[in-house]
C-alpha atoms as a PDB file:
ATOM      1  CA  MET A   1     -25.780  81.931  46.391  1.00  0.00           C
ATOM      2  CA  ASN A   2     -27.579  79.102  44.605  1.00  0.00           C
ATOM      3  CA  ILE A   3     -25.046  76.589  43.310  1.00  0.00           C
ATOM      4  CA  GLY A   4     -26.046  73.897  40.809  1.00  0.00           C
ATOM      5  CA  VAL A   5     -23.705  70.954  40.290  1.00  0.00           C
ATOM      6  CA  VAL A   6     -23.886  68.965  37.049  1.00  0.00           C
ATOM      7  CA  GLY A   7     -22.491  65.559  37.931  1.00  0.00           C
ATOM      8  CA  ALA A   8     -22.026  63.822  41.276  1.00  0.00           C
ATOM      9  CA  GLY A   9     -18.574  62.306  40.918  1.00  0.00           C
ATOM     10  CA  GLY A  10     -15.839  62.714  43.486  1.00  0.00           C
ATOM     11  CA  TRP A  11     -14.530  66.141  42.474  1.00  0.00           C
ATOM     12  CA  GLY A  12     -17.991  67.628  41.954  1.00  0.00           C
ATOM     13  CA  THR A  13     -19.106  66.307  45.335  1.00  0.00           C
ATOM     14  CA  ALA A  14     -16.005  67.651  47.087  1.00  0.00           C
ATOM     15  CA  LEU A  15     -16.494  71.127  45.613  1.00  0.00           C
ATOM     16  CA  ALA A  16     -20.206  71.004  46.403  1.00  0.00           C
ATOM     17  CA  ASN A  17     -19.281  70.216  49.980  1.00  0.00           C
ATOM     18  CA  VAL A  18     -16.947  73.221  50.152  1.00  0.00           C
ATOM     19  CA  ALA A  19     -19.652  75.541  48.818  1.00  0.00           C
ATOM     20  CA  ALA A  20     -22.259  74.148  51.226  1.00  0.00           C
ATOM     21  CA  ALA A  21     -19.888  74.512  54.169  1.00  0.00           C
ATOM     22  CA  ASN A  22     -19.473  78.155  53.128  1.00  0.00           C
ATOM     23  CA  GLY A  23     -23.218  78.680  53.541  1.00  0.00           C
ATOM     24  CA  HIS A  24     -24.359  78.429  49.924  1.00  0.00           C
ATOM     25  CA  ASN A  25     -27.470  76.616  48.736  1.00  0.00           C
ATOM     26  CA  VAL A  26     -26.185  73.582  46.805  1.00  0.00           C
ATOM     27  CA  ARG A  27     -28.139  71.253  44.520  1.00  0.00           C
ATOM     28  CA  MET A  28     -26.561  68.348  42.652  1.00  0.00           C
ATOM     29  CA  TRP A  29     -27.759  66.518  39.543  1.00  0.00           C
ATOM     30  CA  SER A  30     -26.942  62.917  38.686  1.00  0.00           C
ATOM     31  CA  ARG A  31     -28.338  60.400  36.207  1.00  0.00           C
ATOM     32  CA  SER A  32     -28.125  57.735  38.915  1.00  0.00           C
ATOM     33  CA  ALA A  33     -31.287  57.478  41.018  1.00  0.00           C
ATOM     34  CA  GLN A  34     -29.430  55.198  43.418  1.00  0.00           C
ATOM     35  CA  LEU A  35     -26.688  57.760  44.003  1.00  0.00           C
ATOM     36  CA  VAL A  36     -29.244  60.560  44.405  1.00  0.00           C
ATOM     37  CA  GLU A  37     -31.054  58.540  47.064  1.00  0.00           C
ATOM     38  CA  GLU A  38     -27.795  57.878  48.906  1.00  0.00           C
ATOM     39  CA  ILE A  39     -26.807  61.559  48.904  1.00  0.00           C
ATOM     40  CA  ASN A  40     -30.229  62.689  50.135  1.00  0.00           C
ATOM     41  CA  ASN A  41     -30.808  59.994  52.743  1.00  0.00           C
ATOM     42  CA  SER A  42     -27.348  59.014  53.986  1.00  0.00           C
ATOM     43  CA  HIS A  43     -25.343  62.147  53.061  1.00  0.00           C
ATOM     44  CA  THR A  44     -22.656  59.938  51.553  1.00  0.00           C
ATOM     45  CA  ASN A  45     -21.268  59.180  48.093  1.00  0.00           C
ATOM     46  CA  SER A  46     -19.722  55.770  48.621  1.00  0.00           C
ATOM     47  CA  THR A  47     -19.063  55.126  44.916  1.00  0.00           C
ATOM     48  CA  TYR A  48     -16.623  57.997  44.568  1.00  0.00           C
ATOM     49  CA  LEU A  49     -15.773  59.143  48.117  1.00  0.00           C
ATOM     50  CA  ASP A  50     -16.065  56.177  50.420  1.00  0.00           C
ATOM     51  CA  GLY A  51     -15.947  56.667  54.175  1.00  0.00           C
ATOM     52  CA  VAL A  52     -16.867  60.354  54.389  1.00  0.00           C
ATOM     53  CA  THR A  53     -20.041  62.299  55.155  1.00  0.00           C
ATOM     54  CA  ILE A  54     -21.046  65.210  52.948  1.00  0.00           C
ATOM     55  CA  HIS A  55     -22.832  68.353  54.092  1.00  0.00           C
ATOM     56  CA  GLU A  56     -26.410  67.580  55.136  1.00  0.00           C
ATOM     57  CA  SER A  57     -27.801  70.663  53.382  1.00  0.00           C
ATOM     58  CA  ILE A  58     -26.825  69.346  49.920  1.00  0.00           C
ATOM     59  CA  ALA A  59     -29.811  68.030  47.960  1.00  0.00           C
ATOM     60  CA  ALA A  60     -29.580  65.835  44.864  1.00  0.00           C
ATOM     61  CA  GLY A  61     -31.948  64.878  42.067  1.00  0.00           C
ATOM     62  CA  THR A  62     -32.205  63.330  38.604  1.00  0.00           C
ATOM     63  CA  ASP A  63     -34.351  66.146  37.172  1.00  0.00           C
ATOM     64  CA  PRO A  64     -32.287  68.942  35.565  1.00  0.00           C
ATOM     65  CA  GLN A  65     -34.975  71.436  36.647  1.00  0.00           C
ATOM     66  CA  LEU A  66     -33.524  71.103  40.128  1.00  0.00           C
ATOM     67  CA  LEU A  67     -30.642  73.296  38.936  1.00  0.00           C
ATOM     68  CA  HIS A  68     -32.731  75.966  37.199  1.00  0.00           C
ATOM     69  CA  GLY A  69     -32.139  79.420  38.644  1.00  0.00           C
ATOM     70  CA  SER A  70     -28.608  78.639  39.833  1.00  0.00           C
ATOM     71  CA  ASP A  71     -26.340  81.657  40.243  1.00  0.00           C
ATOM     72  CA  ILE A  72     -23.369  79.410  39.524  1.00  0.00           C
ATOM     73  CA  MET A  73     -23.406  76.158  37.576  1.00  0.00           C
ATOM     74  CA  LEU A  74     -20.532  73.845  38.455  1.00  0.00           C
ATOM     75  CA  VAL A  75     -19.808  71.452  35.578  1.00  0.00           C
ATOM     76  CA  SER A  76     -18.104  68.292  36.841  1.00  0.00           C
ATOM     77  CA  VAL A  77     -18.960  65.748  34.152  1.00  0.00           C
ATOM     78  CA  PRO A  78     -16.012  63.898  32.544  1.00  0.00           C
ATOM     79  CA  THR A  79     -14.987  65.896  29.484  1.00  0.00           C
ATOM     80  CA  GLN A  80     -15.891  63.280  26.897  1.00  0.00           C
ATOM     81  CA  PHE A  81     -19.508  63.232  28.152  1.00  0.00           C
ATOM     82  CA  ILE A  82     -20.126  66.980  28.521  1.00  0.00           C
ATOM     83  CA  ARG A  83     -21.484  67.446  25.002  1.00  0.00           C
ATOM     84  CA  THR A  84     -23.924  64.526  25.276  1.00  0.00           C
ATOM     85  CA  VAL A  85     -25.158  65.495  28.742  1.00  0.00           C
ATOM     86  CA  LEU A  86     -25.814  69.111  27.757  1.00  0.00           C
ATOM     87  CA  GLU A  87     -27.528  68.102  24.528  1.00  0.00           C
ATOM     88  CA  ILE A  88     -29.855  65.661  26.293  1.00  0.00           C
ATOM     89  CA  TYR A  89     -30.626  67.588  29.497  1.00  0.00           C
ATOM     90  CA  ASP A  90     -31.825  71.185  29.796  1.00  0.00           C
ATOM     91  CA  PHE A  91     -29.924  72.808  32.662  1.00  0.00           C
ATOM     92  CA  ARG A  92     -30.407  76.378  31.359  1.00  0.00           C
ATOM     93  CA  ILE A  93     -26.679  76.666  31.689  1.00  0.00           C
ATOM     94  CA  ARG A  94     -26.479  80.003  29.842  1.00  0.00           C
ATOM     95  CA  GLU A  95     -28.431  81.717  32.651  1.00  0.00           C
ATOM     96  CA  SER A  96     -25.657  81.092  35.209  1.00  0.00           C
ATOM     97  CA  LEU A  97     -22.002  81.794  35.791  1.00  0.00           C
ATOM     98  CA  ILE A  98     -20.137  78.643  34.808  1.00  0.00           C
ATOM     99  CA  ALA A  99     -17.453  77.050  36.965  1.00  0.00           C
ATOM    100  CA  ASN A 100     -15.843  74.161  35.125  1.00  0.00           C
ATOM    101  CA  ALA A 101     -14.232  71.406  37.198  1.00  0.00           C
ATOM    102  CA  SER A 102     -13.593  68.969  34.331  1.00  0.00           C
ATOM    103  CA  LYS A 103     -10.039  68.431  33.061  1.00  0.00           C
ATOM    104  CA  GLY A 104      -9.732  67.215  29.519  1.00  0.00           C
ATOM    105  CA  ILE A 105      -9.760  67.886  25.783  1.00  0.00           C
ATOM    106  CA  GLU A 106     -12.639  66.566  23.701  1.00  0.00           C
ATOM    107  CA  ASN A 107     -11.700  63.798  21.289  1.00  0.00           C
ATOM    108  CA  LYS A 108     -11.980  64.491  17.558  1.00  0.00           C
ATOM    109  CA  THR A 109     -12.931  68.176  17.945  1.00  0.00           C
ATOM    110  CA  LEU A 110      -9.823  68.817  20.107  1.00  0.00           C
ATOM    111  CA  LEU A 111     -11.767  71.484  22.002  1.00  0.00           C
ATOM    112  CA  ARG A 112     -10.890  72.608  25.512  1.00  0.00           C
ATOM    113  CA  VAL A 113     -13.873  72.664  27.884  1.00  0.00           C
ATOM    114  CA  SER A 114     -14.477  76.418  27.507  1.00  0.00           C
ATOM    115  CA  GLN A 115     -14.539  75.985  23.728  1.00  0.00           C
ATOM    116  CA  LEU A 116     -16.758  72.923  24.055  1.00  0.00           C
ATOM    117  CA  LEU A 117     -19.283  74.764  26.230  1.00  0.00           C
ATOM    118  CA  LYS A 118     -19.354  77.665  23.794  1.00  0.00           C
ATOM    119  CA  ASP A 119     -19.910  75.240  20.925  1.00  0.00           C
ATOM    120  CA  VAL A 120     -22.697  73.223  22.533  1.00  0.00           C
ATOM    121  CA  ALA A 121     -24.339  75.798  24.842  1.00  0.00           C
ATOM    122  CA  LYS A 122     -23.294  79.168  23.397  1.00  0.00           C
ATOM    123  CA  ILE A 123     -22.019  80.398  26.760  1.00  0.00           C
ATOM    124  CA  ASP A 124     -20.535  83.882  27.129  1.00  0.00           C
ATOM    125  CA  ARG A 125     -16.758  83.598  27.671  1.00  0.00           C
ATOM    126  CA  ASP A 126     -16.908  86.257  30.402  1.00  0.00           C
ATOM    127  CA  ASN A 127     -19.387  84.120  32.376  1.00  0.00           C
ATOM    128  CA  TYR A 128     -16.966  81.186  32.473  1.00  0.00           C
ATOM    129  CA  ALA A 129     -14.205  80.159  34.867  1.00  0.00           C
ATOM    130  CA  VAL A 130     -12.179  76.981  35.169  1.00  0.00           C
ATOM    131  CA  LEU A 131     -11.351  75.600  38.622  1.00  0.00           C
ATOM    132  CA  THR A 132      -8.141  73.607  38.516  1.00  0.00           C
ATOM    133  CA  GLY A 133      -4.980  72.848  40.441  1.00  0.00           C
ATOM    134  CA  PRO A 134      -3.430  70.227  42.747  1.00  0.00           C
ATOM    135  CA  SER A 135      -6.556  68.978  44.491  1.00  0.00           C
ATOM    136  CA  HIS A 136      -7.591  65.379  44.967  1.00  0.00           C
ATOM    137  CA  ALA A 137     -11.239  65.123  45.975  1.00  0.00           C
ATOM    138  CA  GLU A 138     -10.375  62.517  48.619  1.00  0.00           C
ATOM    139  CA  GLU A 139      -8.370  65.158  50.525  1.00  0.00           C
ATOM    140  CA  VAL A 140     -10.550  68.198  49.813  1.00  0.00           C
ATOM    141  CA  ILE A 141     -13.609  66.435  51.251  1.00  0.00           C
ATOM    142  CA  ARG A 142     -11.658  65.808  54.481  1.00  0.00           C
ATOM    143  CA  GLY A 143     -10.577  69.427  54.836  1.00  0.00           C
ATOM    144  CA  VAL A 144      -6.916  68.935  53.937  1.00  0.00           C
ATOM    145  CA  PRO A 145      -5.405  72.390  53.222  1.00  0.00           C
ATOM    146  CA  THR A 146      -5.542  72.834  49.434  1.00  0.00           C
ATOM    147  CA  THR A 147      -4.856  75.586  46.903  1.00  0.00           C
ATOM    148  CA  ILE A 148      -6.492  75.809  43.484  1.00  0.00           C
ATOM    149  CA  LEU A 149      -6.911  78.312  40.661  1.00  0.00           C
ATOM    150  CA  ALA A 150      -9.989  80.067  39.256  1.00  0.00           C
ATOM    151  CA  ALA A 151      -9.186  81.300  35.741  1.00  0.00           C
ATOM    152  CA  SER A 152     -11.538  83.517  33.765  1.00  0.00           C
ATOM    153  CA  SER A 153     -11.267  86.161  31.058  1.00  0.00           C
ATOM    154  CA  ASP A 154     -13.473  88.330  33.299  1.00  0.00           C
ATOM    155  CA  GLU A 155     -11.976  89.602  36.559  1.00  0.00           C
ATOM    156  CA  GLN A 156     -15.314  89.784  38.387  1.00  0.00           C
ATOM    157  CA  THR A 157     -16.265  86.241  37.391  1.00  0.00           C
ATOM    158  CA  ALA A 158     -12.932  84.983  38.718  1.00  0.00           C
ATOM    159  CA  ARG A 159     -13.447  86.899  41.962  1.00  0.00           C
ATOM    160  CA  THR A 160     -16.972  85.520  42.407  1.00  0.00           C
ATOM    161  CA  ILE A 161     -15.872  81.910  41.924  1.00  0.00           C
ATOM    162  CA  GLN A 162     -12.878  82.572  44.164  1.00  0.00           C
ATOM    163  CA  SER A 163     -15.162  83.810  46.936  1.00  0.00           C
ATOM    164  CA  VAL A 164     -17.647  80.930  46.741  1.00  0.00           C
ATOM    165  CA  PHE A 165     -15.005  78.201  47.090  1.00  0.00           C
ATOM    166  CA  SER A 166     -12.518  79.861  49.461  1.00  0.00           C
ATOM    167  CA  ASN A 167     -12.321  79.043  53.168  1.00  0.00           C
ATOM    168  CA  ALA A 168      -9.813  78.082  55.836  1.00  0.00           C
ATOM    169  CA  THR A 169      -8.922  74.793  54.105  1.00  0.00           C
ATOM    170  CA  MET A 170      -9.417  75.815  50.450  1.00  0.00           C
ATOM    171  CA  ARG A 171      -7.405  78.776  49.166  1.00  0.00           C
ATOM    172  CA  VAL A 172      -8.402  79.865  45.659  1.00  0.00           C
ATOM    173  CA  TYR A 173      -6.133  82.061  43.555  1.00  0.00           C
ATOM    174  CA  ARG A 174      -7.308  83.725  40.347  1.00  0.00           C
ATOM    175  CA  SER A 175      -5.937  84.151  36.836  1.00  0.00           C
ATOM    176  CA  ASN A 176      -7.004  85.460  33.441  1.00  0.00           C
ATOM    177  CA  ASP A 177      -5.221  82.683  31.516  1.00  0.00           C
ATOM    178  CA  VAL A 178      -8.050  80.278  30.712  1.00  0.00           C
ATOM    179  CA  ILE A 179      -6.076  78.568  27.942  1.00  0.00           C
ATOM    180  CA  GLY A 180      -3.099  77.817  30.170  1.00  0.00           C
ATOM    181  CA  ALA A 181      -5.207  76.711  33.120  1.00  0.00           C
ATOM    182  CA  GLU A 182      -7.281  74.335  31.010  1.00  0.00           C
ATOM    183  CA  LEU A 183      -4.308  72.865  29.169  1.00  0.00           C
ATOM    184  CA  GLY A 184      -2.292  72.411  32.358  1.00  0.00           C
ATOM    185  CA  GLY A 185      -5.163  70.593  34.050  1.00  0.00           C
ATOM    186  CA  ALA A 186      -5.779  68.344  31.055  1.00  0.00           C
ATOM    187  CA  LEU A 187      -2.276  67.513  29.868  1.00  0.00           C
ATOM    188  CA  LYS A 188      -0.830  66.718  33.280  1.00  0.00           C
ATOM    189  CA  ASN A 189      -3.055  63.616  33.266  1.00  0.00           C
ATOM    190  CA  VAL A 190      -1.164  62.266  30.257  1.00  0.00           C
ATOM    191  CA  ILE A 191       2.162  62.731  32.031  1.00  0.00           C
ATOM    192  CA  ALA A 192       0.649  61.124  35.147  1.00  0.00           C
ATOM    193  CA  ILE A 193      -0.085  57.966  33.159  1.00  0.00           C
ATOM    194  CA  ALA A 194       3.581  57.918  32.163  1.00  0.00           C
ATOM    195  CA  ALA A 195       4.535  58.423  35.823  1.00  0.00           C
ATOM    196  CA  GLY A 196       2.407  55.433  36.769  1.00  0.00           C
ATOM    197  CA  ILE A 197       4.090  53.322  34.109  1.00  0.00           C
ATOM    198  CA  ILE A 198       7.438  54.226  35.669  1.00  0.00           C
ATOM    199  CA  ASP A 199       6.110  53.217  39.093  1.00  0.00           C
ATOM    200  CA  GLY A 200       4.799  49.931  37.702  1.00  0.00           C
ATOM    201  CA  LEU A 201       8.158  49.157  36.118  1.00  0.00           C
ATOM    202  CA  GLY A 202       9.986  50.160  39.317  1.00  0.00           C
ATOM    203  CA  THR A 203      12.539  52.305  37.511  1.00  0.00           C
ATOM    204  CA  GLY A 204      13.151  54.785  40.345  1.00  0.00           C
ATOM    205  CA  ASP A 205      13.116  58.407  41.500  1.00  0.00           C
ATOM    206  CA  ASN A 206      15.582  59.703  38.917  1.00  0.00           C
ATOM    207  CA  THR A 207      13.286  58.602  36.129  1.00  0.00           C
ATOM    208  CA  LYS A 208      10.209  60.131  37.770  1.00  0.00           C
ATOM    209  CA  ALA A 209      11.959  63.477  38.262  1.00  0.00           C
ATOM    210  CA  ALA A 210      13.101  63.500  34.650  1.00  0.00           C
ATOM    211  CA  LEU A 211       9.589  62.668  33.464  1.00  0.00           C
ATOM    212  CA  ILE A 212       7.921  65.450  35.458  1.00  0.00           C
ATOM    213  CA  THR A 213      10.476  68.023  34.326  1.00  0.00           C
ATOM    214  CA  ARG A 214      10.418  67.112  30.649  1.00  0.00           C
ATOM    215  CA  GLY A 215       6.666  66.539  30.746  1.00  0.00           C
ATOM    216  CA  LEU A 216       6.209  70.104  31.954  1.00  0.00           C
ATOM    217  CA  ALA A 217       8.407  71.300  29.088  1.00  0.00           C
ATOM    218  CA  GLU A 218       6.121  69.525  26.604  1.00  0.00           C
ATOM    219  CA  ILE A 219       2.965  70.939  28.166  1.00  0.00           C
ATOM    220  CA  THR A 220       4.450  74.439  28.070  1.00  0.00           C
ATOM    221  CA  ARG A 221       5.520  74.126  24.432  1.00  0.00           C
ATOM    222  CA  LEU A 222       2.036  73.194  23.299  1.00  0.00           C
ATOM    223  CA  GLY A 223       0.429  75.752  25.596  1.00  0.00           C
ATOM    224  CA  VAL A 224       2.481  78.650  24.236  1.00  0.00           C
ATOM    225  CA  VAL A 225       1.644  77.687  20.646  1.00  0.00           C
ATOM    226  CA  LEU A 226      -2.053  77.661  21.561  1.00  0.00           C
ATOM    227  CA  GLY A 227      -1.887  81.102  23.187  1.00  0.00           C
ATOM    228  CA  ALA A 228      -1.253  80.419  26.874  1.00  0.00           C
ATOM    229  CA  ASN A 229       0.956  82.466  29.184  1.00  0.00           C
ATOM    230  CA  PRO A 230       4.082  80.333  29.822  1.00  0.00           C
ATOM    231  CA  ALA A 231       4.185  81.532  33.446  1.00  0.00           C
ATOM    232  CA  THR A 232       0.908  79.708  34.093  1.00  0.00           C
ATOM    233  CA  PHE A 233       2.664  76.361  33.754  1.00  0.00           C
ATOM    234  CA  SER A 234       4.967  77.194  36.657  1.00  0.00           C
ATOM    235  CA  GLY A 235       1.927  77.657  38.903  1.00  0.00           C
ATOM    236  CA  LEU A 236      -0.879  75.668  40.463  1.00  0.00           C
ATOM    237  CA  SER A 237      -2.534  74.481  37.260  1.00  0.00           C
ATOM    238  CA  GLY A 238       0.814  73.485  35.745  1.00  0.00           C
ATOM    239  CA  LEU A 239       3.652  72.321  37.964  1.00  0.00           C
ATOM    240  CA  GLY A 240       1.480  72.026  41.080  1.00  0.00           C
ATOM    241  CA  ASP A 241      -1.129  69.792  39.503  1.00  0.00           C
ATOM    242  CA  LEU A 242       1.531  67.833  37.639  1.00  0.00           C
ATOM    243  CA  ILE A 243       3.431  66.968  40.819  1.00  0.00           C
ATOM    244  CA  VAL A 244       0.401  65.812  42.792  1.00  0.00           C
ATOM    245  CA  THR A 245      -1.079  63.800  39.926  1.00  0.00           C
ATOM    246  CA  CYS A 246       2.193  62.071  39.094  1.00  0.00           C
ATOM    247  CA  ASP A 247       2.963  61.098  42.677  1.00  0.00           C
ATOM    248  CA  SER A 248      -0.282  60.589  44.586  1.00  0.00           C
ATOM    249  CA  ARG A 249      -1.948  57.316  45.546  1.00  0.00           C
ATOM    250  CA  HIS A 250      -5.270  59.058  44.836  1.00  0.00           C
ATOM    251  CA  SER A 251      -4.434  59.704  41.165  1.00  0.00           C
ATOM    252  CA  ARG A 252      -6.557  57.525  38.879  1.00  0.00           C
ATOM    253  CA  ASN A 253      -4.352  58.405  35.918  1.00  0.00           C
ATOM    254  CA  ARG A 254      -1.195  57.376  37.742  1.00  0.00           C
ATOM    255  CA  ARG A 255      -2.889  54.110  38.787  1.00  0.00           C
ATOM    256  CA  VAL A 256      -3.799  53.358  35.173  1.00  0.00           C
ATOM    257  CA  GLY A 257      -0.172  53.800  34.185  1.00  0.00           C
ATOM    258  CA  GLU A 258       1.056  51.711  37.105  1.00  0.00           C
ATOM    259  CA  ALA A 259      -1.172  48.820  36.072  1.00  0.00           C
ATOM    260  CA  ILE A 260       0.149  49.062  32.503  1.00  0.00           C
ATOM    261  CA  GLY A 261       3.711  49.060  33.817  1.00  0.00           C
ATOM    262  CA  ARG A 262       2.903  45.839  35.658  1.00  0.00           C
ATOM    263  CA  GLY A 263       1.677  44.175  32.497  1.00  0.00           C
ATOM    264  CA  LYS A 264      -2.074  44.771  32.289  1.00  0.00           C
ATOM    265  CA  SER A 265      -3.747  45.922  29.098  1.00  0.00           C
ATOM    266  CA  LEU A 266      -5.698  49.168  28.896  1.00  0.00           C
ATOM    267  CA  GLN A 267      -8.869  47.214  28.178  1.00  0.00           C
ATOM    268  CA  GLU A 268      -8.460  45.158  31.366  1.00  0.00           C
ATOM    269  CA  ILE A 269      -7.847  48.262  33.455  1.00  0.00           C
ATOM    270  CA  LEU A 270     -10.844  50.198  32.149  1.00  0.00           C
ATOM    271  CA  ALA A 271     -13.116  47.187  32.665  1.00  0.00           C
ATOM    272  CA  GLU A 272     -12.117  46.906  36.332  1.00  0.00           C
ATOM    273  CA  SER A 273     -12.963  50.445  37.497  1.00  0.00           C
ATOM    274  CA  PRO A 274     -16.131  52.569  37.258  1.00  0.00           C
ATOM    275  CA  MET A 275     -14.054  55.711  37.817  1.00  0.00           C
ATOM    276  CA  ILE A 276     -12.872  57.517  34.691  1.00  0.00           C
ATOM    277  CA  ALA A 277      -9.225  58.429  34.197  1.00  0.00           C
ATOM    278  CA  GLU A 278      -9.483  61.529  32.006  1.00  0.00           C
ATOM    279  CA  GLY A 279      -5.893  61.144  30.847  1.00  0.00           C
ATOM    280  CA  VAL A 280      -6.642  58.139  28.641  1.00  0.00           C
ATOM    281  CA  ALA A 281      -8.907  60.070  26.271  1.00  0.00           C
ATOM    282  CA  THR A 282      -6.806  63.221  26.660  1.00  0.00           C
ATOM    283  CA  THR A 283      -3.724  61.331  25.456  1.00  0.00           C
ATOM    284  CA  GLU A 284      -5.390  60.854  22.087  1.00  0.00           C
ATOM    285  CA  SER A 285      -6.418  64.515  21.885  1.00  0.00           C
ATOM    286  CA  ALA A 286      -2.998  65.758  23.025  1.00  0.00           C
ATOM    287  CA  TYR A 287      -1.218  63.631  20.443  1.00  0.00           C
ATOM    288  CA  GLU A 288      -3.483  64.936  17.679  1.00  0.00           C
ATOM    289  CA  LEU A 289      -3.078  68.553  18.837  1.00  0.00           C
ATOM    290  CA  ALA A 290       0.704  68.192  18.795  1.00  0.00           C
ATOM    291  CA  GLN A 291       0.584  66.730  15.300  1.00  0.00           C
ATOM    292  CA  ARG A 292      -1.777  69.463  14.060  1.00  0.00           C
ATOM    293  CA  HIS A 293       0.405  72.293  15.379  1.00  0.00           C
ATOM    294  CA  GLY A 294       3.809  70.735  14.737  1.00  0.00           C
ATOM    295  CA  VAL A 295       4.779  70.687  18.431  1.00  0.00           C
ATOM    296  CA  GLU A 296       7.352  68.152  19.581  1.00  0.00           C
ATOM    297  CA  MET A 297       5.887  66.095  22.470  1.00  0.00           C
ATOM    298  CA  PRO A 298       7.887  62.848  22.641  1.00  0.00           C
ATOM    299  CA  ILE A 299       6.529  61.715  26.024  1.00  0.00           C
ATOM    300  CA  VAL A 300       2.939  62.235  24.928  1.00  0.00           C
ATOM    301  CA  GLU A 301       3.689  60.364  21.704  1.00  0.00           C
ATOM    302  CA  GLN A 302       5.112  57.383  23.586  1.00  0.00           C
ATOM    303  CA  VAL A 303       2.151  57.251  26.002  1.00  0.00           C
ATOM    304  CA  TYR A 304      -0.154  57.332  22.977  1.00  0.00           C
ATOM    305  CA  GLN A 305       1.706  54.397  21.427  1.00  0.00           C
ATOM    306  CA  ILE A 306       1.625  52.429  24.685  1.00  0.00           C
ATOM    307  CA  LEU A 307      -2.101  52.978  25.339  1.00  0.00           C
ATOM    308  CA  PHE A 308      -3.497  52.519  21.858  1.00  0.00           C
ATOM    309  CA  PHE A 309      -0.923  50.373  20.022  1.00  0.00           C
ATOM    310  CA  ASN A 310       0.355  48.141  22.860  1.00  0.00           C
ATOM    311  CA  LYS A 311       3.909  49.410  22.602  1.00  0.00           C
ATOM    312  CA  SER A 312       6.304  48.012  25.185  1.00  0.00           C
ATOM    313  CA  PRO A 313       6.857  50.579  27.978  1.00  0.00           C
ATOM    314  CA  ARG A 314      10.510  49.591  28.234  1.00  0.00           C
ATOM    315  CA  LEU A 315      10.986  50.158  24.521  1.00  0.00           C
ATOM    316  CA  ALA A 316       9.289  53.552  24.871  1.00  0.00           C
ATOM    317  CA  ILE A 317      11.704  54.548  27.643  1.00  0.00           C
ATOM    318  CA  HIS A 318      14.671  53.339  25.585  1.00  0.00           C
ATOM    319  CA  GLU A 319      13.569  55.430  22.603  1.00  0.00           C
ATOM    320  CA  LEU A 320      13.109  58.512  24.785  1.00  0.00           C
ATOM    321  CA  MET A 321      16.538  58.086  26.345  1.00  0.00           C
ATOM    322  CA  THR A 322      18.333  57.564  23.040  1.00  0.00           C
ATOM    323  CA  ARG A 323      16.831  60.473  21.122  1.00  0.00           C
ATOM    324  CA  GLU A 324      19.217  62.968  19.483  1.00  0.00           C
ATOM    325  CA  SER A 325      21.085  65.061  22.066  1.00  0.00           C
ATOM    326  CA  LYS A 326      20.003  68.687  22.324  1.00  0.00           C
ATOM    327  CA  SER A 327      19.972  71.798  24.517  1.00  0.00           C
ATOM    328  CA  GLU A 328      17.583  71.730  27.490  1.00  0.00           C
ATOM    329  CA  VAL A 329      16.090  75.143  26.694  1.00  0.00           C
ATOM    330  CA  GLN A 330      15.087  75.707  23.102  1.00  0.00           C
END
């Protein structure tokens, strides 16, 4: 099949590499002429995946026409830039099946990526799937055994995406719960920032376990209110992705939190790295979604206060620990 990849970051490149290794014709688009030249000439992407070689059949370009006629369009642009990129560049995205690899919720509109793509590109919901789950690009590109989820409202679309990206080192499951898969992939980044803060403060394993468990409870509460299947959050796009993002050295969101726990400001952290931690923007959207729907999300609220109002992380932990006692399951 012809696979077009919008965006040449780490995750998009890793998935492109999987598809190319499976024998598909892969073309990648990037705004960066320098990165395009590196991919085409050196078969590397040193900005996002240093020290690895990508499949030599992958071709890159800065002209969106390169992706015209794609059977599948893989969207791997950071969520907050999807609208702008699709409004500026003509990828003819409606002519393809869409596989979304971005994990976030758009600020202000509070749209999930499937909703965002429908709003800006009028895509057919049955031609859309989200690829999500516990999968750091740095390991996928090296062939580390990985399992992810392809969620679509259309069974055949899910099966097609599943087939394109499945091989001996990448096992893809399928689901029809797009809402749950998208929310799990987005909201776990907020909890991962909190996990990093805990690591930066050096509070310990008990605290991290409590955070992951209660963070999953918050994600599930919001997800159910928004129409997700609660069982989804016990799977790859929920618990699986939450564990790996909260505990991995590869997690940009966890690293952001760790730096905050060690005393750096958010502004300093963002200025130091060209790589985007989706959880920062998603924290704002998650907080606003919780407020809009009346869902209690105390961890998300504290991360929001820490990131955007310079609240002391230790004070945030104290307030979480001294909240009114209640039943675990409500």
